[in-house]
C-alpha atoms as a PDB file:
ATOM      1  CA  UNK A   1      -7.039  60.896  29.571  1.00  0.00           C
ATOM      2  CA  UNK A   2      -6.547  63.233  32.532  1.00  0.00           C
ATOM      3  CA  UNK A   3      -5.816  66.902  31.970  1.00  0.00           C
ATOM      4  CA  UNK A   4      -5.392  69.751  34.442  1.00  0.00           C
ATOM      5  CA  UNK A   5      -8.491  71.736  35.295  1.00  0.00           C
ATOM      6  CA  UNK A   6      -6.862  74.733  37.025  1.00  0.00           C
ATOM      7  CA  UNK A   7      -4.408  76.972  35.215  1.00  0.00           C
ATOM      8  CA  UNK A   8      -2.245  79.314  37.245  1.00  0.00           C
ATOM      9  CA  UNK A   9      -1.304  81.377  34.227  1.00  0.00           C
ATOM     10  CA  UNK A  10       0.794  84.212  35.641  1.00  0.00           C
ATOM     11  CA  UNK A  11       1.961  86.803  35.866  1.00  0.00           C
ATOM     12  CA  UNK A  12       5.546  85.733  36.534  1.00  0.00           C
ATOM     13  CA  UNK A  13       7.204  86.885  39.770  1.00  0.00           C
ATOM     14  CA  UNK A  14       3.829  87.602  41.354  1.00  0.00           C
ATOM     15  CA  UNK A  15       3.602  84.717  43.825  1.00  0.00           C
ATOM     16  CA  UNK A  16       2.561  81.982  41.398  1.00  0.00           C
ATOM     17  CA  UNK A  17       5.111  79.487  42.723  1.00  0.00           C
ATOM     18  CA  UNK A  18       3.849  79.978  46.271  1.00  0.00           C
ATOM     19  CA  UNK A  19       0.217  79.587  45.224  1.00  0.00           C
ATOM     20  CA  UNK A  20       1.018  76.496  43.174  1.00  0.00           C
ATOM     21  CA  UNK A  21       2.990  74.938  46.025  1.00  0.00           C
ATOM     22  CA  UNK A  22       0.172  75.610  48.481  1.00  0.00           C
ATOM     23  CA  UNK A  23      -2.319  73.898  46.173  1.00  0.00           C
ATOM     24  CA  UNK A  24       0.079  71.004  45.664  1.00  0.00           C
ATOM     25  CA  UNK A  25       0.184  70.476  49.444  1.00  0.00           C
ATOM     26  CA  UNK A  26      -3.616  70.202  49.669  1.00  0.00           C
ATOM     27  CA  UNK A  27      -5.140  66.701  49.928  1.00  0.00           C
ATOM     28  CA  UNK A  28      -7.427  67.499  46.989  1.00  0.00           C
ATOM     29  CA  UNK A  29      -4.736  69.197  44.918  1.00  0.00           C
ATOM     30  CA  UNK A  30      -2.115  68.012  42.473  1.00  0.00           C
ATOM     31  CA  UNK A  31       0.687  70.154  41.077  1.00  0.00           C
ATOM     32  CA  UNK A  32       2.577  68.808  38.091  1.00  0.00           C
ATOM     33  CA  UNK A  33       6.327  68.300  38.300  1.00  0.00           C
ATOM     34  CA  UNK A  34       7.578  70.544  36.829  1.00  0.00           C
ATOM     35  CA  UNK A  35       5.153  73.341  37.630  1.00  0.00           C
ATOM     36  CA  UNK A  36       5.592  74.945  34.201  1.00  0.00           C
ATOM     37  CA  UNK A  37       5.330  72.853  31.041  1.00  0.00           C
ATOM     38  CA  UNK A  38       4.437  75.696  28.618  1.00  0.00           C
ATOM     39  CA  UNK A  39       2.513  73.129  26.541  1.00  0.00           C
ATOM     40  CA  UNK A  40      -0.439  75.310  25.583  1.00  0.00           C
ATOM     41  CA  UNK A  41       1.764  78.271  24.589  1.00  0.00           C
ATOM     42  CA  UNK A  42       2.100  77.164  20.973  1.00  0.00           C
ATOM     43  CA  UNK A  43       3.239  80.654  20.011  1.00  0.00           C
ATOM     44  CA  UNK A  44       6.342  80.109  22.180  1.00  0.00           C
ATOM     45  CA  UNK A  45       7.526  76.975  20.321  1.00  0.00           C
ATOM     46  CA  UNK A  46      11.169  77.024  21.372  1.00  0.00           C
ATOM     47  CA  UNK A  47      10.191  77.245  25.032  1.00  0.00           C
ATOM     48  CA  UNK A  48       7.998  74.168  24.703  1.00  0.00           C
ATOM     49  CA  UNK A  49      10.788  72.291  22.944  1.00  0.00           C
ATOM     50  CA  UNK A  50      13.465  73.473  25.381  1.00  0.00           C
ATOM     51  CA  UNK A  51      11.522  72.249  28.395  1.00  0.00           C
ATOM     52  CA  UNK A  52      10.407  69.029  26.715  1.00  0.00           C
ATOM     53  CA  UNK A  53       6.621  69.241  26.527  1.00  0.00           C
ATOM     54  CA  UNK A  54       5.867  70.100  22.935  1.00  0.00           C
ATOM     55  CA  UNK A  55       3.826  66.905  22.386  1.00  0.00           C
ATOM     56  CA  UNK A  56       0.397  66.131  23.811  1.00  0.00           C
ATOM     57  CA  UNK A  57       1.638  62.727  25.006  1.00  0.00           C
ATOM     58  CA  UNK A  58       4.458  64.263  27.046  1.00  0.00           C
ATOM     59  CA  UNK A  59       2.042  66.772  28.545  1.00  0.00           C
ATOM     60  CA  UNK A  60      -0.627  64.218  29.434  1.00  0.00           C
ATOM     61  CA  UNK A  61       2.023  62.084  31.142  1.00  0.00           C
ATOM     62  CA  UNK A  62       2.369  64.835  33.758  1.00  0.00           C
ATOM     63  CA  UNK A  63      -1.166  64.038  34.939  1.00  0.00           C
ATOM     64  CA  UNK A  64      -1.261  60.285  34.374  1.00  0.00           C
ATOM     65  CA  UNK A  65      -0.425  59.161  37.917  1.00  0.00           C
ATOM     66  CA  UNK A  66      -3.116  57.792  40.237  1.00  0.00           C
ATOM     67  CA  UNK A  67      -2.532  60.781  42.522  1.00  0.00           C
ATOM     68  CA  UNK A  68      -3.262  63.197  39.692  1.00  0.00           C
ATOM     69  CA  UNK A  69      -6.348  61.326  38.566  1.00  0.00           C
ATOM     70  CA  UNK A  70      -7.788  61.292  42.081  1.00  0.00           C
ATOM     71  CA  UNK A  71      -7.221  65.016  42.644  1.00  0.00           C
ATOM     72  CA  UNK A  72     -10.145  67.409  42.439  1.00  0.00           C
ATOM     73  CA  UNK A  73      -7.757  70.215  41.498  1.00  0.00           C
ATOM     74  CA  UNK A  74      -5.000  69.493  38.968  1.00  0.00           C
ATOM     75  CA  UNK A  75      -2.758  72.496  38.415  1.00  0.00           C
ATOM     76  CA  UNK A  76      -0.719  73.664  35.434  1.00  0.00           C
ATOM     77  CA  UNK A  77       1.363  76.638  36.585  1.00  0.00           C
ATOM     78  CA  UNK A  78       2.776  77.961  33.296  1.00  0.00           C
ATOM     79  CA  UNK A  79       3.029  81.749  33.572  1.00  0.00           C
ATOM     80  CA  UNK A  80       3.635  82.271  29.850  1.00  0.00           C
ATOM     81  CA  UNK A  81      -0.042  81.487  29.221  1.00  0.00           C
ATOM     82  CA  UNK A  82      -1.094  84.954  30.387  1.00  0.00           C
ATOM     83  CA  UNK A  83       0.751  86.521  27.445  1.00  0.00           C
ATOM     84  CA  UNK A  84       0.230  83.775  24.868  1.00  0.00           C
ATOM     85  CA  UNK A  85      -2.302  84.474  22.133  1.00  0.00           C
ATOM     86  CA  UNK A  86      -3.129  80.772  21.760  1.00  0.00           C
ATOM     87  CA  UNK A  87      -2.933  79.208  25.225  1.00  0.00           C
ATOM     88  CA  UNK A  88      -6.222  80.266  26.822  1.00  0.00           C
ATOM     89  CA  UNK A  89      -8.384  79.704  23.710  1.00  0.00           C
ATOM     90  CA  UNK A  90      -6.831  76.272  23.181  1.00  0.00           C
ATOM     91  CA  UNK A  91      -7.295  75.348  26.841  1.00  0.00           C
ATOM     92  CA  UNK A  92     -10.923  76.474  26.735  1.00  0.00           C
ATOM     93  CA  UNK A  93     -11.489  74.294  23.666  1.00  0.00           C
ATOM     94  CA  UNK A  94      -9.820  71.190  25.129  1.00  0.00           C
ATOM     95  CA  UNK A  95     -10.766  71.261  28.836  1.00  0.00           C
ATOM     96  CA  UNK A  96     -14.278  71.219  30.224  1.00  0.00           C
ATOM     97  CA  UNK A  97     -14.882  74.362  32.292  1.00  0.00           C
ATOM     98  CA  UNK A  98     -11.261  75.185  33.108  1.00  0.00           C
ATOM     99  CA  UNK A  99     -10.567  77.690  35.850  1.00  0.00           C
ATOM    100  CA  UNK A 100      -7.876  80.323  35.651  1.00  0.00           C
ATOM    101  CA  UNK A 101      -5.952  81.908  38.512  1.00  0.00           C
ATOM    102  CA  UNK A 102      -4.045  85.118  37.808  1.00  0.00           C
ATOM    103  CA  UNK A 103      -1.540  86.648  40.209  1.00  0.00           C
ATOM    104  CA  UNK A 104      -0.574  90.284  39.693  1.00  0.00           C
ATOM    105  CA  UNK A 105       1.518  92.965  41.364  1.00  0.00           C
ATOM    106  CA  UNK A 106       2.869  96.449  40.789  1.00  0.00           C
ATOM    107  CA  UNK A 107       4.316  95.998  37.283  1.00  0.00           C
ATOM    108  CA  UNK A 108       7.460  97.965  38.125  1.00  0.00           C
ATOM    109  CA  UNK A 109       8.361  95.479  40.861  1.00  0.00           C
ATOM    110  CA  UNK A 110       7.315  92.622  38.608  1.00  0.00           C
ATOM    111  CA  UNK A 111       9.669  93.730  35.852  1.00  0.00           C
ATOM    112  CA  UNK A 112      12.667  94.242  38.127  1.00  0.00           C
ATOM    113  CA  UNK A 113      12.306  90.692  39.432  1.00  0.00           C
ATOM    114  CA  UNK A 114      11.427  89.288  36.012  1.00  0.00           C
ATOM    115  CA  UNK A 115      14.529  90.838  34.455  1.00  0.00           C
ATOM    116  CA  UNK A 116      16.643  88.915  36.968  1.00  0.00           C
ATOM    117  CA  UNK A 117      14.957  85.636  35.977  1.00  0.00           C
ATOM    118  CA  UNK A 118      15.682  86.293  32.305  1.00  0.00           C
ATOM    119  CA  UNK A 119      19.350  86.787  33.122  1.00  0.00           C
ATOM    120  CA  UNK A 120      19.356  83.460  34.971  1.00  0.00           C
ATOM    121  CA  UNK A 121      17.483  81.800  32.089  1.00  0.00           C
ATOM    122  CA  UNK A 122      20.169  83.090  29.666  1.00  0.00           C
ATOM    123  CA  UNK A 123      17.581  84.937  27.585  1.00  0.00           C
ATOM    124  CA  UNK A 124      19.001  88.278  28.727  1.00  0.00           C
ATOM    125  CA  UNK A 125      22.602  89.522  28.803  1.00  0.00           C
ATOM    126  CA  UNK A 126      22.173  93.119  29.962  1.00  0.00           C
ATOM    127  CA  UNK A 127      22.591  93.204  33.723  1.00  0.00           C
ATOM    128  CA  UNK A 128      21.292  96.754  34.169  1.00  0.00           C
ATOM    129  CA  UNK A 129      17.504  96.831  34.189  1.00  0.00           C
ATOM    130  CA  UNK A 130      17.218 100.452  33.047  1.00  0.00           C
ATOM    131  CA  UNK A 131      19.349  99.743  29.971  1.00  0.00           C
ATOM    132  CA  UNK A 132      17.398  96.578  29.171  1.00  0.00           C
ATOM    133  CA  UNK A 133      14.068  98.411  29.605  1.00  0.00           C
ATOM    134  CA  UNK A 134      15.046 101.261  27.286  1.00  0.00           C
ATOM    135  CA  UNK A 135      16.439  98.833  24.725  1.00  0.00           C
ATOM    136  CA  UNK A 136      13.110  96.986  24.778  1.00  0.00           C
ATOM    137  CA  UNK A 137      11.174 100.227  24.264  1.00  0.00           C
ATOM    138  CA  UNK A 138      13.143 100.673  21.036  1.00  0.00           C
ATOM    139  CA  UNK A 139      12.355  97.116  19.938  1.00  0.00           C
ATOM    140  CA  UNK A 140      15.892  95.860  20.505  1.00  0.00           C
ATOM    141  CA  UNK A 141      17.050  92.456  21.697  1.00  0.00           C
ATOM    142  CA  UNK A 142      20.088  91.400  23.722  1.00  0.00           C
ATOM    143  CA  UNK A 143      23.240  90.024  22.156  1.00  0.00           C
ATOM    144  CA  UNK A 144      22.141  86.424  22.652  1.00  0.00           C
ATOM    145  CA  UNK A 145      19.627  83.941  21.309  1.00  0.00           C
ATOM    146  CA  UNK A 146      16.561  84.081  23.607  1.00  0.00           C
ATOM    147  CA  UNK A 147      14.109  81.200  23.521  1.00  0.00           C
ATOM    148  CA  UNK A 148      11.526  83.709  22.332  1.00  0.00           C
ATOM    149  CA  UNK A 149      11.856  87.458  21.629  1.00  0.00           C
ATOM    150  CA  UNK A 150       8.563  88.101  23.426  1.00  0.00           C
ATOM    151  CA  UNK A 151      10.223  87.091  26.686  1.00  0.00           C
ATOM    152  CA  UNK A 152      12.402  90.206  26.420  1.00  0.00           C
ATOM    153  CA  UNK A 153       9.545  92.573  25.558  1.00  0.00           C
ATOM    154  CA  UNK A 154       9.429  94.176  28.991  1.00  0.00           C
ATOM    155  CA  UNK A 155       6.565  96.588  28.187  1.00  0.00           C
ATOM    156  CA  UNK A 156       4.503  93.582  27.014  1.00  0.00           C
ATOM    157  CA  UNK A 157       5.213  91.684  30.226  1.00  0.00           C
ATOM    158  CA  UNK A 158       4.359  94.731  32.329  1.00  0.00           C
ATOM    159  CA  UNK A 159       1.008  95.423  30.646  1.00  0.00           C
ATOM    160  CA  UNK A 160      -1.110  93.370  33.020  1.00  0.00           C
ATOM    161  CA  UNK A 161      -4.259  95.287  32.173  1.00  0.00           C
ATOM    162  CA  UNK A 162      -4.013  94.260  28.535  1.00  0.00           C
ATOM    163  CA  UNK A 163      -3.293  90.645  29.470  1.00  0.00           C
ATOM    164  CA  UNK A 164      -6.147  90.366  31.982  1.00  0.00           C
ATOM    165  CA  UNK A 165      -8.495  92.148  29.590  1.00  0.00           C
ATOM    166  CA  UNK A 166      -7.709  89.617  26.855  1.00  0.00           C
ATOM    167  CA  UNK A 167      -8.323  86.759  29.294  1.00  0.00           C
ATOM    168  CA  UNK A 168     -11.720  88.131  30.334  1.00  0.00           C
ATOM    169  CA  UNK A 169     -12.730  88.507  26.703  1.00  0.00           C
ATOM    170  CA  UNK A 170     -12.167  84.760  26.265  1.00  0.00           C
ATOM    171  CA  UNK A 171     -13.217  83.220  29.582  1.00  0.00           C
ATOM    172  CA  UNK A 172     -16.370  83.922  31.659  1.00  0.00           C
ATOM    173  CA  UNK A 173     -15.674  86.067  34.707  1.00  0.00           C
ATOM    174  CA  UNK A 174     -16.797  83.327  37.093  1.00  0.00           C
ATOM    175  CA  UNK A 175     -13.960  81.092  35.915  1.00  0.00           C
ATOM    176  CA  UNK A 176     -11.258  83.677  36.660  1.00  0.00           C
ATOM    177  CA  UNK A 177      -9.790  84.432  40.069  1.00  0.00           C
ATOM    178  CA  UNK A 178      -7.275  87.255  40.517  1.00  0.00           C
ATOM    179  CA  UNK A 179      -4.793  87.381  43.395  1.00  0.00           C
ATOM    180  CA  UNK A 180      -2.992  90.631  44.179  1.00  0.00           C
ATOM    181  CA  UNK A 181       0.539  90.168  45.430  1.00  0.00           C
ATOM    182  CA  UNK A 182      -0.131  92.927  47.958  1.00  0.00           C
ATOM    183  CA  UNK A 183      -2.905  90.792  49.499  1.00  0.00           C
ATOM    184  CA  UNK A 184      -0.825  87.630  49.265  1.00  0.00           C
ATOM    185  CA  UNK A 185       1.997  89.255  51.212  1.00  0.00           C
ATOM    186  CA  UNK A 186      -0.112  91.022  53.848  1.00  0.00           C
ATOM    187  CA  UNK A 187      -2.825  88.388  54.366  1.00  0.00           C
ATOM    188  CA  UNK A 188      -1.841  84.934  53.083  1.00  0.00           C
ATOM    189  CA  UNK A 189      -4.564  83.269  55.146  1.00  0.00           C
ATOM    190  CA  UNK A 190      -7.297  85.427  53.651  1.00  0.00           C
ATOM    191  CA  UNK A 191      -5.850  84.932  50.187  1.00  0.00           C
ATOM    192  CA  UNK A 192      -5.920  81.167  50.700  1.00  0.00           C
ATOM    193  CA  UNK A 193      -9.524  81.280  51.927  1.00  0.00           C
ATOM    194  CA  UNK A 194     -10.622  83.157  48.804  1.00  0.00           C
ATOM    195  CA  UNK A 195      -8.660  80.858  46.493  1.00  0.00           C
ATOM    196  CA  UNK A 196     -10.039  77.648  47.977  1.00  0.00           C
ATOM    197  CA  UNK A 197     -13.569  79.067  47.860  1.00  0.00           C
ATOM    198  CA  UNK A 198     -13.102  79.815  44.156  1.00  0.00           C
ATOM    199  CA  UNK A 199     -11.812  76.278  43.524  1.00  0.00           C
ATOM    200  CA  UNK A 200     -14.484  74.600  45.635  1.00  0.00           C
ATOM    201  CA  UNK A 201     -12.100  72.829  48.002  1.00  0.00           C
ATOM    202  CA  UNK A 202     -11.836  72.926  51.784  1.00  0.00           C
ATOM    203  CA  UNK A 203      -9.552  75.628  53.177  1.00  0.00           C
ATOM    204  CA  UNK A 204      -8.325  73.108  55.745  1.00  0.00           C
ATOM    205  CA  UNK A 205      -5.664  72.043  56.205  1.00  0.00           C
ATOM    206  CA  UNK A 206      -3.919  75.348  55.637  1.00  0.00           C
ATOM    207  CA  UNK A 207      -0.555  75.265  53.886  1.00  0.00           C
ATOM    208  CA  UNK A 208       2.632  76.487  55.505  1.00  0.00           C
ATOM    209  CA  UNK A 209       2.405  79.845  53.653  1.00  0.00           C
ATOM    210  CA  UNK A 210       6.127  79.718  52.912  1.00  0.00           C
ATOM    211  CA  UNK A 211       7.507  82.095  50.288  1.00  0.00           C
ATOM    212  CA  UNK A 212       8.810  80.377  47.164  1.00  0.00           C
ATOM    213  CA  UNK A 213      11.014  81.454  44.254  1.00  0.00           C
ATOM    214  CA  UNK A 214      12.225  84.807  45.565  1.00  0.00           C
ATOM    215  CA  UNK A 215      14.533  86.754  43.237  1.00  0.00           C
ATOM    216  CA  UNK A 216      17.572  86.450  45.441  1.00  0.00           C
ATOM    217  CA  UNK A 217      19.707  83.858  43.688  1.00  0.00           C
ATOM    218  CA  UNK A 218      21.937  83.458  40.673  1.00  0.00           C
ATOM    219  CA  UNK A 219      23.878  80.614  39.109  1.00  0.00           C
ATOM    220  CA  UNK A 220      27.008  79.615  41.014  1.00  0.00           C
ATOM    221  CA  UNK A 221      28.749  78.724  37.731  1.00  0.00           C
ATOM    222  CA  UNK A 222      27.882  80.632  34.569  1.00  0.00           C
ATOM    223  CA  UNK A 223      29.705  78.057  32.461  1.00  0.00           C
ATOM    224  CA  UNK A 224      27.743  75.133  33.917  1.00  0.00           C
ATOM    225  CA  UNK A 225      24.494  77.031  33.547  1.00  0.00           C
ATOM    226  CA  UNK A 226      25.237  77.657  29.874  1.00  0.00           C
ATOM    227  CA  UNK A 227      26.221  74.032  29.319  1.00  0.00           C
ATOM    228  CA  UNK A 228      22.945  72.753  30.760  1.00  0.00           C
ATOM    229  CA  UNK A 229      20.655  75.357  29.171  1.00  0.00           C
ATOM    230  CA  UNK A 230      22.396  76.361  25.940  1.00  0.00           C
ATOM    231  CA  UNK A 231      24.559  73.321  25.113  1.00  0.00           C
ATOM    232  CA  UNK A 232      26.443  72.957  21.823  1.00  0.00           C
ATOM    233  CA  UNK A 233      24.473  71.206  19.080  1.00  0.00           C
ATOM    234  CA  UNK A 234      26.297  67.900  19.460  1.00  0.00           C
ATOM    235  CA  UNK A 235      25.295  67.706  23.138  1.00  0.00           C
ATOM    236  CA  UNK A 236      21.844  69.263  22.871  1.00  0.00           C
ATOM    237  CA  UNK A 237      19.793  66.044  22.727  1.00  0.00           C
ATOM    238  CA  UNK A 238      21.360  64.154  25.664  1.00  0.00           C
ATOM    239  CA  UNK A 239      21.525  67.265  27.856  1.00  0.00           C
ATOM    240  CA  UNK A 240      17.912  68.037  27.087  1.00  0.00           C
ATOM    241  CA  UNK A 241      16.959  64.522  28.222  1.00  0.00           C
ATOM    242  CA  UNK A 242      19.034  64.954  31.395  1.00  0.00           C
ATOM    243  CA  UNK A 243      17.496  68.376  32.068  1.00  0.00           C
ATOM    244  CA  UNK A 244      14.012  66.990  31.524  1.00  0.00           C
ATOM    245  CA  UNK A 245      14.635  64.098  33.901  1.00  0.00           C
ATOM    246  CA  UNK A 246      16.006  66.438  36.563  1.00  0.00           C
ATOM    247  CA  UNK A 247      12.876  68.604  36.346  1.00  0.00           C
ATOM    248  CA  UNK A 248      10.450  65.697  36.694  1.00  0.00           C
ATOM    249  CA  UNK A 249      12.145  63.421  39.217  1.00  0.00           C
ATOM    250  CA  UNK A 250      11.319  63.606  42.890  1.00  0.00           C
ATOM    251  CA  UNK A 251      14.729  62.233  43.867  1.00  0.00           C
ATOM    252  CA  UNK A 252      15.924  64.219  46.916  1.00  0.00           C
ATOM    253  CA  UNK A 253      19.581  63.808  45.907  1.00  0.00           C
ATOM    254  CA  UNK A 254      18.852  65.484  42.592  1.00  0.00           C
ATOM    255  CA  UNK A 255      17.046  68.316  44.378  1.00  0.00           C
ATOM    256  CA  UNK A 256      19.973  68.798  46.742  1.00  0.00           C
ATOM    257  CA  UNK A 257      22.464  68.784  43.861  1.00  0.00           C
ATOM    258  CA  UNK A 258      20.459  71.374  41.956  1.00  0.00           C
ATOM    259  CA  UNK A 259      20.226  73.559  45.059  1.00  0.00           C
ATOM    260  CA  UNK A 260      24.020  73.632  45.240  1.00  0.00           C
ATOM    261  CA  UNK A 261      24.124  75.115  41.739  1.00  0.00           C
ATOM    262  CA  UNK A 262      22.802  78.437  43.072  1.00  0.00           C
ATOM    263  CA  UNK A 263      24.214  81.159  45.276  1.00  0.00           C
ATOM    264  CA  UNK A 264      22.559  84.090  46.994  1.00  0.00           C
ATOM    265  CA  UNK A 265      22.426  87.429  45.214  1.00  0.00           C
ATOM    266  CA  UNK A 266      21.269  90.855  46.290  1.00  0.00           C
ATOM    267  CA  UNK A 267      17.689  91.750  45.463  1.00  0.00           C
ATOM    268  CA  UNK A 268      17.767  94.172  42.500  1.00  0.00           C
ATOM    269  CA  UNK A 269      17.076  97.822  43.316  1.00  0.00           C
ATOM    270  CA  UNK A 270      15.948 100.687  41.073  1.00  0.00           C
ATOM    271  CA  UNK A 271      16.614 104.382  41.264  1.00  0.00           C
ATOM    272  CA  UNK A 272      13.641 106.652  41.845  1.00  0.00           C
ATOM    273  CA  UNK A 273      14.147 108.035  38.341  1.00  0.00           C
ATOM    274  CA  UNK A 274      13.806 104.724  36.496  1.00  0.00           C
ATOM    275  CA  UNK A 275      10.933 103.623  38.743  1.00  0.00           C
ATOM    276  CA  UNK A 276       9.072 106.805  37.826  1.00  0.00           C
ATOM    277  CA  UNK A 277       9.863 106.311  34.143  1.00  0.00           C
ATOM    278  CA  UNK A 278       8.544 102.754  34.048  1.00  0.00           C
ATOM    279  CA  UNK A 279       5.503 103.612  36.197  1.00  0.00           C
ATOM    280  CA  UNK A 280       4.599 106.516  33.893  1.00  0.00           C
ATOM    281  CA  UNK A 281       4.894 104.328  30.784  1.00  0.00           C
ATOM    282  CA  UNK A 282       2.636 101.661  32.260  1.00  0.00           C
ATOM    283  CA  UNK A 283       0.249 104.079  33.986  1.00  0.00           C
ATOM    284  CA  UNK A 284      -2.591 103.874  31.423  1.00  0.00           C
ATOM    285  CA  UNK A 285      -2.455 100.089  31.532  1.00  0.00           C
ATOM    286  CA  UNK A 286      -2.590 100.119  35.349  1.00  0.00           C
ATOM    287  CA  UNK A 287      -5.690 102.334  35.084  1.00  0.00           C
ATOM    288  CA  UNK A 288      -7.278  99.762  32.784  1.00  0.00           C
ATOM    289  CA  UNK A 289      -6.436  96.959  35.198  1.00  0.00           C
ATOM    290  CA  UNK A 290      -7.914  98.894  38.124  1.00  0.00           C
ATOM    291  CA  UNK A 291     -11.117  99.334  36.166  1.00  0.00           C
ATOM    292  CA  UNK A 292     -11.293  95.652  35.242  1.00  0.00           C
ATOM    293  CA  UNK A 293     -10.731  94.538  38.830  1.00  0.00           C
ATOM    294  CA  UNK A 294     -12.628  97.384  40.470  1.00  0.00           C
ATOM    295  CA  UNK A 295      -9.652  97.920  42.762  1.00  0.00           C
ATOM    296  CA  UNK A 296      -7.803 101.070  43.754  1.00  0.00           C
ATOM    297  CA  UNK A 297      -4.291 100.648  42.342  1.00  0.00           C
ATOM    298  CA  UNK A 298      -3.323 104.291  42.550  1.00  0.00           C
ATOM    299  CA  UNK A 299      -0.220 103.580  44.653  1.00  0.00           C
ATOM    300  CA  UNK A 300       1.179 101.568  41.740  1.00  0.00           C
ATOM    301  CA  UNK A 301       1.347 104.720  39.678  1.00  0.00           C
ATOM    302  CA  UNK A 302       3.822 106.317  42.052  1.00  0.00           C
ATOM    303  CA  UNK A 303       7.569 105.868  42.112  1.00  0.00           C
ATOM    304  CA  UNK A 304       7.437 104.427  45.620  1.00  0.00           C
ATOM    305  CA  UNK A 305       8.332 100.790  46.206  1.00  0.00           C
END
């Protein structure tokens, strides 16, 4: 039995796809296909079922190849784990000395980008971030059936201090490595050096440092997106199998076909007023995060981008 030993657990929209891809390019690294299985997030059961990895056998199959077994670093990149109440404790119980990588950024910017991904994932229906944020503050949900209500709890997703604090209460500090998006963007080489040192692998060869998974796309066809991700009951089983195959195959034709299903979209922008509102709400949590990391995050508390 081969399991991953490095868990890139979030936060979403903070550079995790880039970090995972860089590690997957390394001769000593192996990144599962797909990057996110959500297996250990047992408190997000519909997500696990939707993406096809609710069983231990299906999960272990992601790391059963000779390439995975030879790798010194086997990566699970499921960002839901940072917010799950069960994932990290269950990983710590099942995996010998797992290591956790956490990527974080200004939570206001995180939430703007994250809101876009929830629209694409069909968990969200409200296109205006400010309206969705204020609805979430009141405990409301969109007029749809999200895979899990917690995915639409924007204050929960933005409270990185609480999430990192919970992680550090469960896992020894020396097994946790935090990457700030600010550092990732301004100094990818230095970020890579620190990450490889933490993982105990050679920093050479360096990856391409390409940016991955930017929030600048949307579905070309809303109807096709709904058919493949929220199919009618009579089609749910075969479409789920097709979706699962498309996520795990390395077939370049499939990749090219999937790429054609997207079109470019403008990067979401916020008014100064809503930025200030969100920053003020999350300010105490940012202070807690700064204390945990011993980093000056004072600029995050401002309304500036």
